[in-house]
Amino acid sequence: MNLGQKILLELKKEISLSDYDRYIKPLSYDIDNSRSNVSYYYAPNLLVAKWIRTKFSDKIAHLFELQSGIRPKIKIEVKKNKSHTQSTPTGEIADNSAKRISSKSTILNPSFTFESFIVGSSNQFAFTTAQSVAQKPGRQYNPLFLYGGVGLGKTHLLQAIGNYHLHLGKKVIYTTLEQFMNKFTSHLRSQSMDRFRDHFRECDLLLIDDVQFLSRKEQTQEEFFHTFNELHTANKQIVITADRPPNKIAGLVDRLKSRFEWGLLADIQPPGLETKIAIIQKKCELDGIVLNNDVVNYIASNMGSNIREIEGTIIKLNAMSSILNQEITLEFTQNAIRDQLQDKKESLNIDDIVNFIATELNVKPADIKSKKRNKNIVNARRISIYLARNLTTSSMPQIAVYFGMKDHTAISHSMRKINEIVENDDNFKLLLEELENKISANKINFD
């Protein structure tokens, strides 16, 4: 076994098994052309080569330095001859097709695929339509407009569509709206708008993230409008994401709102508890992290619905466990993320909870705080008390004062009562879970 191969085996110990199998294992080391100051590896396609250069080159160079005392430059290339040609996961193109991907295309995250996306009732429709668009671009749903709160999976689906088409040798442009605006401003200043238009209009698939930032950007909206028309007329697929539907984006001109609604709008709701658990388990499987059921359930129940935040918590726990050489137990987890949960609670107050519940359940906030015994009002009051206790830093005496109750024992009684209802009424349990998820996912404005 040569040094280059040994280095890859050493790297295997430092990264997740999924990353090793997907990106590192297919590499071949060029022992003939490599020297002490430069090491050549060959990847099966351009997509993998770019990803390894970005994410793993420094680690590989460091491992060489540990072994030989010299830190070489790491060159990740795509082999031109047939002996290094390899099919993509879809089996539909070979390496030469992958090499035709334009260098203008933004690098997508290869881990954002349909296979790695966890599907639940909250995102089933968005997932199905995204797959349909990937398989039949420019036909039925053009544009596809995905919208939902922060960290719910919009970017994952957007890039999954892009990765599907990259493997077919198509030219894909992925950009955030901010990047689109920056390029527009730069080319406008340098009087090179023809190059800007060629970049965004000569593609097979245009993916735009966070389009809500077009709000009140009149010049950019004008340019985006014409780009949209050019691509749509040519039956090129357009996929857009935003944190709200087009008609709720303030400062967006009517003709753009109209075009965004030409195709299909698909929203992504906050995931339920079962979906969050599945997401955590999938993340652990991909990264080789072991969490017991108690820890998984605790994270799913307490970390809200921002998937990026949940994944960040898992990475944090794994890092702390490795550094401190401790097992990730429930107690370890509670201590590790206590401050994080405290910050989340401090961002809410009881007024926020009551006003939100009043809107959702169609009752008045004043009625929730009153002593009225109407069934709907009693139900809303119990839910408000339960969520105030679980999602804010308010103590039981403070909650009792807020709701005009005698003392904290009345709050304890309400908490016991609502827990009994949850045990016996699945519909009520689902309602409570949905309301808590909406709050945790920042679906409401607490400013």
Foldseek 3Di string as FASTA:
>chain_A
DDPLVVLLVVVCVVFFPLCCVQQVVLKDWDPVPADLAETEIETQADLSLVVCVVPPQVVSQVSSCVVPVGRHGYHYYHDDDPVSWDADPVNQDIRVLLHLADPLADRFDLCLALVLDQDDPQCPVVSVVLVVCLVPPLPAFAAEEEAAFAQQQPSSSLVNSVNSVSSVSFHEHEDEVVVLVVVVVVCVVVVNVVVSLCSLQVGQEYEYEACLVCAQVVVSLVVVLVSSVSCSVVSRYYYYYHHDQLVPRHRRDPVVSVNNVPGYYGYGAQDFLVSQLVSVVSLCNRGVHDDDPLQSSVLSVQQARNSVSSSVLSVQLVVVCVVVVHDDDNVSSCVSCVVVSQVQQAVDALVVLLVLLCVVLVHDSVLLLDPDDPPSSVLSVLLSLQCNPRRHPDDLQRSCVSSVHDGSVVSVVSNVVVVVCVVPPVVSVVVSRSSNNCVRSPVDDPD
